[in-house]
């Protein structure tokens, strides 16, 4: 039974990669490759599904334009002095907590851990859920509808570095952080993270 679930999970990840590729590629050569990947995903799932590969492939291809809210994960990493870790984004120069979209096959907390390593070089442990935010309620820019999971964490290893996704990385007190030009919904999420960390708020926020 465990092996069947594993096959289904891997097929779902292949399907997600193929669907995203087919949705956004402009290259006929890449389209052919993504269609082949979709066929492989259908073939893999048919091993543990009552439907055959042909039927599954038709279902998969019909779903590539389906739009649902994105799932993203941010993490408020605090040091022993109570400062939060922020990065300065390379695309706009504004500041935010490490984070990004979750990959298929990841839990939101796993996505937060991965994104922090990729963006700062620091390995972290997640300890709490600070809140779940609908970007329509906390951001003035909504290119895509998204649900943001915000976690609390602390450093367990690594070294802070600037990556291709950031111009700078630093630790900030609450006063210093809110004085920065914060990116979109982080204007709300960063103060909420400090409120949670300092005990001014004790339960997760559902915004």
Protein backbone atom coordinates (compact mmCIF):
# COMPACT_ATOMS: atom_id res chain seq x y z
CA UNK A 1 0.00 0.00 0.00
CA UNK A 2 2.84 2.38 0.85
CA UNK A 3 4.49 1.73 -2.52
CA UNK A 4 1.21 2.53 -4.31
CA UNK A 5 0.96 5.86 -2.53
CA UNK A 6 4.57 6.59 -3.45
CA UNK A 7 3.94 5.84 -7.13
CA UNK A 8 0.84 8.04 -7.11
CA UNK A 9 2.75 10.89 -5.43
CA UNK A 10 5.59 10.70 -7.96
CA UNK A 11 3.11 10.61 -10.84
CA UNK A 12 1.44 13.72 -9.42
CA UNK A 13 4.76 15.55 -9.30
CA UNK A 14 5.52 14.58 -12.91
CA UNK A 15 2.07 15.74 -13.92
CA UNK A 16 2.58 19.11 -12.20
CA UNK A 17 5.91 19.65 -13.97
CA UNK A 18 4.38 18.77 -17.33
CA UNK A 19 1.28 20.92 -16.78
CA UNK A 20 3.30 23.97 -15.77
CA UNK A 21 5.56 23.50 -18.78
CA UNK A 22 2.68 23.15 -21.21
CA UNK A 23 0.96 26.19 -19.74
CA UNK A 24 3.88 28.56 -20.08
CA UNK A 25 6.23 27.31 -22.80
CA UNK A 26 6.40 29.07 -26.14
CA UNK A 27 8.72 26.50 -27.70
CA UNK A 28 7.25 23.71 -29.86
CA UNK A 29 10.23 21.55 -28.96
CA UNK A 30 9.64 21.98 -25.23
CA UNK A 31 5.93 21.38 -25.74
CA UNK A 32 6.72 18.00 -27.26
CA UNK A 33 8.91 17.17 -24.27
CA UNK A 34 6.26 18.22 -21.75
CA UNK A 35 3.61 16.19 -23.58
CA UNK A 36 5.91 13.18 -23.34
CA UNK A 37 6.40 13.86 -19.63
CA UNK A 38 2.62 14.03 -19.21
CA UNK A 39 2.27 10.65 -20.94
CA UNK A 40 4.86 9.20 -18.54
CA UNK A 41 2.93 10.61 -15.57
CA UNK A 42 -0.26 8.98 -16.86
CA UNK A 43 1.52 5.68 -17.45
CA UNK A 44 2.98 5.75 -13.93
CA UNK A 45 -0.36 6.50 -12.30
CA UNK A 46 -2.10 3.76 -14.31
CA UNK A 47 0.05 1.22 -12.43
CA UNK A 48 -1.88 1.96 -9.22
CA UNK A 49 -5.15 3.34 -10.67
CA UNK A 50 -8.13 1.53 -12.14
CA UNK A 51 -8.09 3.83 -15.19
CA UNK A 52 -5.77 3.14 -18.11
CA UNK A 53 -2.95 5.44 -19.18
CA UNK A 54 -4.84 6.81 -22.20
CA UNK A 55 -7.81 7.92 -20.11
CA UNK A 56 -5.55 9.45 -17.46
CA UNK A 57 -3.53 11.33 -20.07
CA UNK A 58 -6.72 12.83 -21.57
CA UNK A 59 -7.81 13.93 -18.08
CA UNK A 60 -4.39 15.41 -17.33
CA UNK A 61 -4.21 17.37 -20.58
CA UNK A 62 -7.68 18.77 -20.02
CA UNK A 63 -6.58 20.18 -16.66
CA UNK A 64 -3.54 22.24 -17.59
CA UNK A 65 -5.52 25.49 -17.79
CA UNK A 66 -7.23 25.00 -14.45
CA UNK A 67 -6.27 27.85 -12.12
CA UNK A 68 -6.41 27.47 -8.34
CA UNK A 69 -4.81 29.60 -5.62
CA UNK A 70 -1.07 29.16 -5.27
CA UNK A 71 0.29 27.82 -1.99
CA UNK A 72 3.30 29.68 -0.68
CA UNK A 73 5.34 29.53 2.49
CA UNK A 74 7.26 32.28 4.30
CA UNK A 75 9.28 31.89 7.47
CA UNK A 76 10.00 34.39 10.24
CA UNK A 77 13.42 33.29 11.48
CA UNK A 78 14.36 34.87 14.82
CA UNK A 79 17.77 34.96 16.48
CA UNK A 80 18.50 34.93 20.22
CA UNK A 81 18.32 38.72 20.30
CA UNK A 82 14.76 38.66 18.94
CA UNK A 83 15.72 39.98 15.52
CA UNK A 84 14.06 38.69 12.35
CA UNK A 85 15.87 37.53 9.22
CA UNK A 86 14.95 39.48 6.07
CA UNK A 87 16.21 39.48 2.51
CA UNK A 88 16.30 42.34 0.03
CA UNK A 89 14.75 41.03 -3.16
CA UNK A 90 16.87 41.24 -6.29
CA UNK A 91 13.86 41.95 -8.54
CA UNK A 92 12.52 45.06 -6.82
CA UNK A 93 14.88 45.98 -3.97
CA UNK A 94 12.18 45.60 -1.31
CA UNK A 95 12.54 43.53 1.85
CA UNK A 96 10.71 40.37 2.88
CA UNK A 97 10.97 37.19 4.89
CA UNK A 98 12.45 34.20 3.07
CA UNK A 99 9.79 32.25 1.21
CA UNK A 100 8.17 31.25 -2.03
CA UNK A 101 5.81 28.84 -3.76
CA UNK A 102 5.59 25.25 -2.55
CA UNK A 103 6.52 22.49 -4.96
CA UNK A 104 4.21 19.54 -5.58
CA UNK A 105 5.17 16.85 -3.08
CA UNK A 106 6.18 19.34 -0.36
CA UNK A 107 4.36 20.31 2.80
CA UNK A 108 4.18 24.08 3.40
CA UNK A 109 6.73 23.82 6.23
CA UNK A 110 9.11 21.87 3.98
CA UNK A 111 8.77 24.60 1.37
CA UNK A 112 9.63 27.25 3.97
CA UNK A 113 12.76 25.35 4.99
CA UNK A 114 13.87 24.85 1.37
CA UNK A 115 13.24 28.46 0.39
CA UNK A 116 15.22 29.76 3.36
CA UNK A 117 18.26 27.66 2.39
CA UNK A 118 17.98 28.73 -1.25
CA UNK A 119 17.60 32.43 -0.46
CA UNK A 120 19.89 32.88 2.56
CA UNK A 121 22.16 29.83 2.91
CA UNK A 122 20.77 29.19 6.40
CA UNK A 123 19.30 25.86 7.44
CA UNK A 124 16.36 26.26 9.79
CA UNK A 125 13.87 24.34 11.87
CA UNK A 126 10.20 25.36 11.80
CA UNK A 127 8.56 25.59 15.22
CA UNK A 128 5.15 27.25 14.83
CA UNK A 129 2.49 28.38 12.39
CA UNK A 130 2.11 32.14 12.68
CA UNK A 131 -0.78 32.40 10.25
CA UNK A 132 -2.34 31.77 6.85
CA UNK A 133 -2.93 34.83 4.69
CA UNK A 134 -5.07 35.33 1.60
CA UNK A 135 -3.02 37.67 -0.57
CA UNK A 136 -6.19 39.47 -1.66
CA UNK A 137 -6.49 40.75 1.90
CA UNK A 138 -2.89 41.76 2.60
CA UNK A 139 -1.39 42.77 -0.73
CA UNK A 140 -2.10 45.65 -3.06
CA UNK A 141 -0.78 43.63 -6.03
CA UNK A 142 -2.51 40.39 -6.97
CA UNK A 143 -1.12 38.94 -10.19
CA UNK A 144 -2.12 35.51 -8.88
CA UNK A 145 -4.41 34.50 -6.05
CA UNK A 146 -2.35 32.83 -3.33
CA UNK A 147 -2.58 31.49 0.21
CA UNK A 148 0.53 32.38 2.21
CA UNK A 149 1.51 30.09 5.08
CA UNK A 150 3.79 31.96 7.51
CA UNK A 151 5.90 29.96 9.95
CA UNK A 152 8.24 30.76 12.82
CA UNK A 153 11.69 29.19 12.83
CA UNK A 154 15.24 29.30 14.12
CA UNK A 155 18.65 28.64 12.59
CA UNK A 156 20.19 25.18 12.97
CA UNK A 157 23.13 25.53 10.57
CA UNK A 158 24.62 27.16 7.52
CA UNK A 159 25.90 30.67 6.98
CA UNK A 160 24.03 33.75 5.78
CA UNK A 161 24.97 34.60 2.21
CA UNK A 162 23.63 36.73 -0.62
CA UNK A 163 22.23 34.59 -3.43
CA UNK A 164 21.03 35.31 -6.96
CA UNK A 165 17.58 35.97 -5.45
CA UNK A 166 18.75 38.65 -3.02
CA UNK A 167 20.72 41.87 -2.89
CA UNK A 168 21.28 41.68 0.85
CA UNK A 169 20.46 39.56 3.89
CA UNK A 170 20.22 40.88 7.44
CA UNK A 171 18.82 40.66 10.96
CA UNK A 172 16.46 43.42 12.12
CA UNK A 173 14.68 44.50 15.28
CA UNK A 174 10.98 45.19 15.05
CA UNK A 175 11.47 48.96 14.75
CA UNK A 176 14.15 48.49 12.09
CA UNK A 177 12.08 45.99 10.12
CA UNK A 178 8.89 48.05 9.92
CA UNK A 179 10.93 51.08 8.84
CA UNK A 180 12.15 49.20 5.74
CA UNK A 181 10.34 49.22 2.41
CA UNK A 182 8.62 45.87 2.83
CA UNK A 183 7.38 43.82 -0.10
CA UNK A 184 3.60 43.62 -0.58
CA UNK A 185 1.92 41.56 2.14
CA UNK A 186 5.05 41.54 4.29
CA UNK A 187 3.92 44.97 5.48
CA UNK A 188 1.31 42.99 7.44
CA UNK A 189 3.10 39.68 7.96
CA UNK A 190 6.32 41.03 9.48
CA UNK A 191 4.57 42.97 12.31
CA UNK A 192 2.32 39.95 12.91
CA UNK A 193 5.41 37.73 13.18
CA UNK A 194 6.91 39.99 15.86
CA UNK A 195 3.59 40.02 17.73
CA UNK A 196 3.60 36.23 17.73
CA UNK A 197 7.28 35.96 18.71
CA UNK A 198 6.95 38.39 21.63
CA UNK A 199 3.74 36.81 22.95
CA UNK A 200 1.48 39.72 22.07
CA UNK A 201 -0.43 37.20 19.99
CA UNK A 202 -0.58 33.53 21.01
CA UNK A 203 -2.74 31.88 18.34
CA UNK A 204 -2.29 31.59 14.55
CA UNK A 205 -3.76 34.29 12.35
CA UNK A 206 -6.19 33.39 9.56
CA UNK A 207 -6.41 36.46 7.36
